[in-house]
Protein backbone atom coordinates (compact mmCIF):
# COMPACT_ATOMS: atom_id res chain seq x y z
CA MET A 1 -9.11 5.08 -11.84
CA LEU A 2 -11.45 4.35 -8.91
CA GLY A 3 -14.09 3.06 -11.30
CA ILE A 4 -12.14 -0.12 -12.02
CA PHE A 5 -12.06 -1.27 -8.40
CA GLY A 6 -14.44 -4.06 -7.52
CA ASN A 7 -14.28 -5.70 -10.96
CA PHE A 8 -11.77 -8.56 -10.83
CA ASP A 9 -11.42 -8.94 -14.62
CA VAL A 10 -10.66 -5.25 -15.03
CA GLU A 11 -8.39 -5.01 -11.99
CA THR A 12 -6.31 -7.97 -13.16
CA ARG A 13 -6.16 -7.08 -16.85
CA ILE A 14 -2.38 -7.09 -16.43
CA LEU A 15 -2.75 -10.90 -16.68
CA ASP A 16 -3.66 -10.45 -20.36
CA LYS A 17 0.07 -9.92 -21.00
CA ILE A 18 0.78 -13.55 -20.06
CA ASP A 19 1.13 -15.80 -23.11
CA ASP A 20 2.32 -18.99 -21.38
CA ASP A 21 -0.29 -21.72 -21.98
CA ASN A 22 0.67 -23.61 -18.80
CA LEU A 23 -0.08 -20.53 -16.72
CA LEU A 24 -3.21 -19.59 -18.63
CA ILE A 25 -4.88 -22.88 -17.68
CA ASN A 26 -4.55 -22.02 -13.98
CA ILE A 27 -5.47 -18.37 -14.56
CA ASP A 28 -8.65 -19.41 -16.35
CA LYS A 29 -9.60 -21.70 -13.44
CA MET A 30 -8.78 -18.88 -11.02
CA ASP A 31 -11.09 -16.49 -12.93
CA LYS A 32 -13.95 -18.98 -12.79
CA ALA A 33 -13.44 -19.51 -9.05
CA VAL A 34 -13.47 -15.76 -8.41
CA THR A 35 -16.65 -15.38 -10.49
CA ALA A 36 -18.24 -18.05 -8.26
CA LYS A 37 -16.84 -16.20 -5.21
CA ASN A 38 -14.93 -19.33 -4.22
CA TYR A 39 -11.82 -17.44 -3.14
CA SER A 40 -10.10 -20.37 -1.43
CA LYS A 41 -10.22 -22.31 -4.70
CA ALA A 42 -9.04 -19.23 -6.60
CA LEU A 43 -6.03 -19.00 -4.27
CA VAL A 44 -5.14 -22.64 -4.98
CA HIS A 45 -5.05 -21.96 -8.72
CA VAL A 46 -3.16 -18.67 -8.48
CA ASN A 47 -0.58 -20.34 -6.20
CA ARG A 48 -0.12 -23.08 -8.81
CA ALA A 49 0.39 -20.41 -11.46
CA ILE A 50 2.97 -18.64 -9.27
CA ASP A 51 4.86 -21.92 -8.74
CA LYS A 52 4.99 -22.54 -12.50
CA CYS A 53 6.29 -19.07 -13.41
CA SER A 54 9.75 -18.93 -14.93
CA ASN A 55 9.27 -15.36 -16.20
CA GLU A 56 9.73 -12.82 -13.38
CA ASN A 57 7.19 -10.38 -14.80
CA TYR A 58 4.56 -13.11 -15.10
CA ARG A 59 5.27 -14.18 -11.52
CA VAL A 60 4.70 -10.62 -10.26
CA TYR A 61 1.47 -10.33 -12.28
CA CYS A 62 0.25 -13.50 -10.56
CA LEU A 63 1.38 -12.21 -7.15
CA TYR A 64 -0.68 -9.10 -7.81
CA ALA A 65 -3.72 -11.24 -8.69
CA LYS A 66 -3.24 -13.15 -5.43
CA ALA A 67 -3.22 -9.89 -3.46
CA VAL A 68 -6.50 -8.85 -5.11
CA ILE A 69 -8.07 -12.23 -4.28
CA LEU A 70 -7.00 -11.96 -0.63
CA TYR A 71 -8.48 -8.47 -0.56
CA TYR A 72 -11.79 -9.58 -2.09
CA ASN A 73 -11.93 -12.37 0.51
CA ASN A 74 -11.58 -9.79 3.33
CA ASP A 75 -8.51 -11.68 4.55
CA ASN A 76 -7.07 -8.46 5.92
CA ASP A 77 -4.14 -9.80 7.96
CA ASN A 78 -2.81 -12.04 5.21
CA CYS A 79 -3.48 -9.51 2.46
CA ALA A 80 -1.60 -6.70 4.23
CA GLN A 81 1.31 -9.00 5.13
CA PHE A 82 1.46 -10.45 1.62
CA ILE A 83 1.62 -7.01 0.01
CA GLU A 84 4.32 -5.84 2.44
CA ASP A 85 6.39 -9.00 1.89
CA ASN A 86 6.28 -8.66 -1.90
CA MET A 87 6.37 -4.87 -2.26
CA ASN A 88 9.97 -4.81 -3.50
CA ASP A 89 9.08 -7.26 -6.28
CA PHE A 90 6.00 -5.23 -7.19
CA LYS A 91 8.06 -2.04 -7.43
CA LYS A 92 10.61 -3.71 -9.72
CA VAL A 93 7.94 -4.61 -12.29
CA PHE A 94 5.21 -1.98 -11.93
CA LYS A 95 5.95 1.66 -12.68
CA TYR A 96 5.39 4.18 -9.91
CA THR A 97 2.54 5.67 -11.93
CA SER A 98 0.88 2.31 -12.69
CA THR A 99 -2.68 1.58 -11.61
CA GLU A 100 -1.52 -1.77 -10.19
CA LEU A 101 1.02 -0.26 -7.79
CA TRP A 102 -1.37 2.37 -6.53
CA ARG A 103 -4.06 -0.29 -6.15
CA LEU A 104 -1.65 -2.23 -3.95
CA TYR A 105 -1.15 0.86 -1.79
CA THR A 106 -4.91 1.36 -1.41
CA MET A 107 -5.49 -2.33 -0.62
CA LEU A 108 -2.80 -2.21 2.06
CA TRP A 109 -4.32 0.94 3.55
CA ASN A 110 -7.85 -0.49 3.43
CA CYS A 111 -6.83 -3.81 5.01
CA GLN A 112 -5.39 -1.99 8.01
CA TYR A 113 -8.31 0.43 8.12
CA ARG A 114 -10.80 -2.47 8.11
CA GLN A 115 -9.04 -3.82 11.20
CA LYS A 116 -9.41 -0.38 12.83
CA LYS A 117 -5.64 0.06 12.78
CA TYR A 118 -6.10 3.69 11.86
CA PHE A 119 -2.63 4.93 12.83
CA SER A 120 -0.96 1.94 11.14
CA SER A 121 -2.95 2.61 7.98
CA ILE A 122 -1.62 6.17 7.88
CA CYS A 123 1.94 5.13 8.72
CA SER A 124 1.94 2.43 6.04
CA MET A 125 1.44 5.13 3.43
CA CYS A 126 4.43 7.01 4.86
CA SER A 127 6.73 4.03 5.27
CA VAL A 128 10.37 4.14 4.21
CA LYS A 129 9.62 0.88 2.42
CA TYR A 130 7.52 2.74 -0.14
CA PHE A 131 8.90 6.27 -0.15
CA SER A 132 12.30 7.91 0.19
CA GLY A 133 13.32 9.37 3.53
CA LEU A 134 12.55 12.89 2.34
CA LEU A 135 9.06 11.98 1.16
CA GLN A 136 8.43 10.09 4.37
CA THR A 137 9.35 13.16 6.38
CA VAL A 138 7.09 15.35 4.26
CA CYS A 139 4.27 12.84 4.68
CA TYR A 140 4.62 12.81 8.45
CA ALA A 141 4.93 16.60 8.44
CA VAL A 142 1.57 16.91 6.69
CA ILE A 143 -0.04 14.67 9.31
CA LEU A 144 1.58 16.65 12.10
CA ILE A 145 0.59 19.99 10.57
CA LEU A 146 -3.00 18.79 10.77
CA LEU A 147 -2.32 17.80 14.36
CA ALA A 148 -0.82 21.23 15.04
CA TYR A 149 -3.86 22.87 13.51
CA ASN A 150 -6.13 20.99 15.87
CA VAL A 151 -3.88 21.68 18.88
CA SER A 152 -2.61 25.21 18.26
CA PHE A 153 -5.59 26.71 16.45
CA LYS A 154 -8.52 24.99 18.11
CA MET A 155 -7.02 24.60 21.58
CA PHE A 156 -4.96 27.77 21.99
CA TYR A 157 -6.05 30.33 19.40
CA LEU A 158 -9.77 29.96 19.90
CA SER A 159 -9.31 30.24 23.66
CA GLY A 160 -7.31 33.45 23.24
CA ASP A 161 -3.87 32.01 24.11
CA PHE A 162 -1.84 33.60 21.30
CA ILE A 163 1.54 32.71 22.81
CA GLY A 164 0.57 29.04 22.90
CA THR A 165 -0.59 29.32 19.30
CA VAL A 166 2.67 30.86 18.08
CA LEU A 167 4.84 28.39 19.97
CA SER A 168 2.97 25.19 19.16
CA ALA A 169 2.07 25.73 15.50
CA PRO A 170 5.56 25.61 13.91
CA ILE A 171 7.41 23.63 16.57
CA LEU A 172 5.19 20.54 16.88
CA PRO A 173 5.29 19.29 13.25
CA VAL A 174 8.88 20.31 12.51
CA PHE A 175 10.39 18.91 15.71
CA THR A 176 8.50 15.61 15.49
CA SER A 177 9.31 15.19 11.77
CA VAL A 178 13.04 15.67 12.42
CA ILE A 179 12.96 13.13 15.26
CA LEU A 180 11.10 10.61 13.09
CA PHE A 181 13.54 11.18 10.23
CA ILE A 182 16.57 10.55 12.46
CA PHE A 183 15.16 7.53 14.31
CA ASN A 184 13.98 5.86 11.12
CA GLY A 185 17.47 6.24 9.67
CA ALA A 186 15.92 7.35 6.41
CA PHE A 187 19.01 9.36 5.50
CA LYS A 188 21.09 6.15 5.54
CA ILE A 189 19.11 4.41 2.79
CA ARG A 190 20.83 4.41 -0.56
CA LYS A 191 18.90 5.80 -3.47
CA LYS A 192 18.95 2.51 -5.41
CA GLN A 193 17.22 0.74 -2.49
CA LEU A 194 14.24 3.11 -2.54
């Protein structure tokens, strides 16, 4: 899957499903602008295509293309915000196993990582907006287990403090995960909203 990234035509092959001639004119102009690396012009044409869309699936395909263009242009703030704002629409059209949806996740992560928002980039992958409350808790637990490993094993165990090791290893990730779960109100979200 990683091999497709960096090739706009391959990444946006979902646009091949569009058979509306009015949209295809703008999509063709958008492709040419991207090839010339004129991303501002490409955004103008993709926005025109989005405005013309009457078919919801076509609109989401164009929204996805816009996200890719913003990403190629290194417009990290706008790209991350755009993906977050439209994530519910993306999830309605793209399957959870689709390359497009996972590409959106990686673009969001990379945009935040490029801005050196390292903690935000990790949290965005664990957000209630993308995963259920249970999966979010598991995701945070994994991060905190790694934290516990660094604290309990490297700090306590290697220095010979076995009591500190025993106490910190299980308590730190479990306690923090439960607190995060409760404060995020993940248990209150209905299944159909996830």
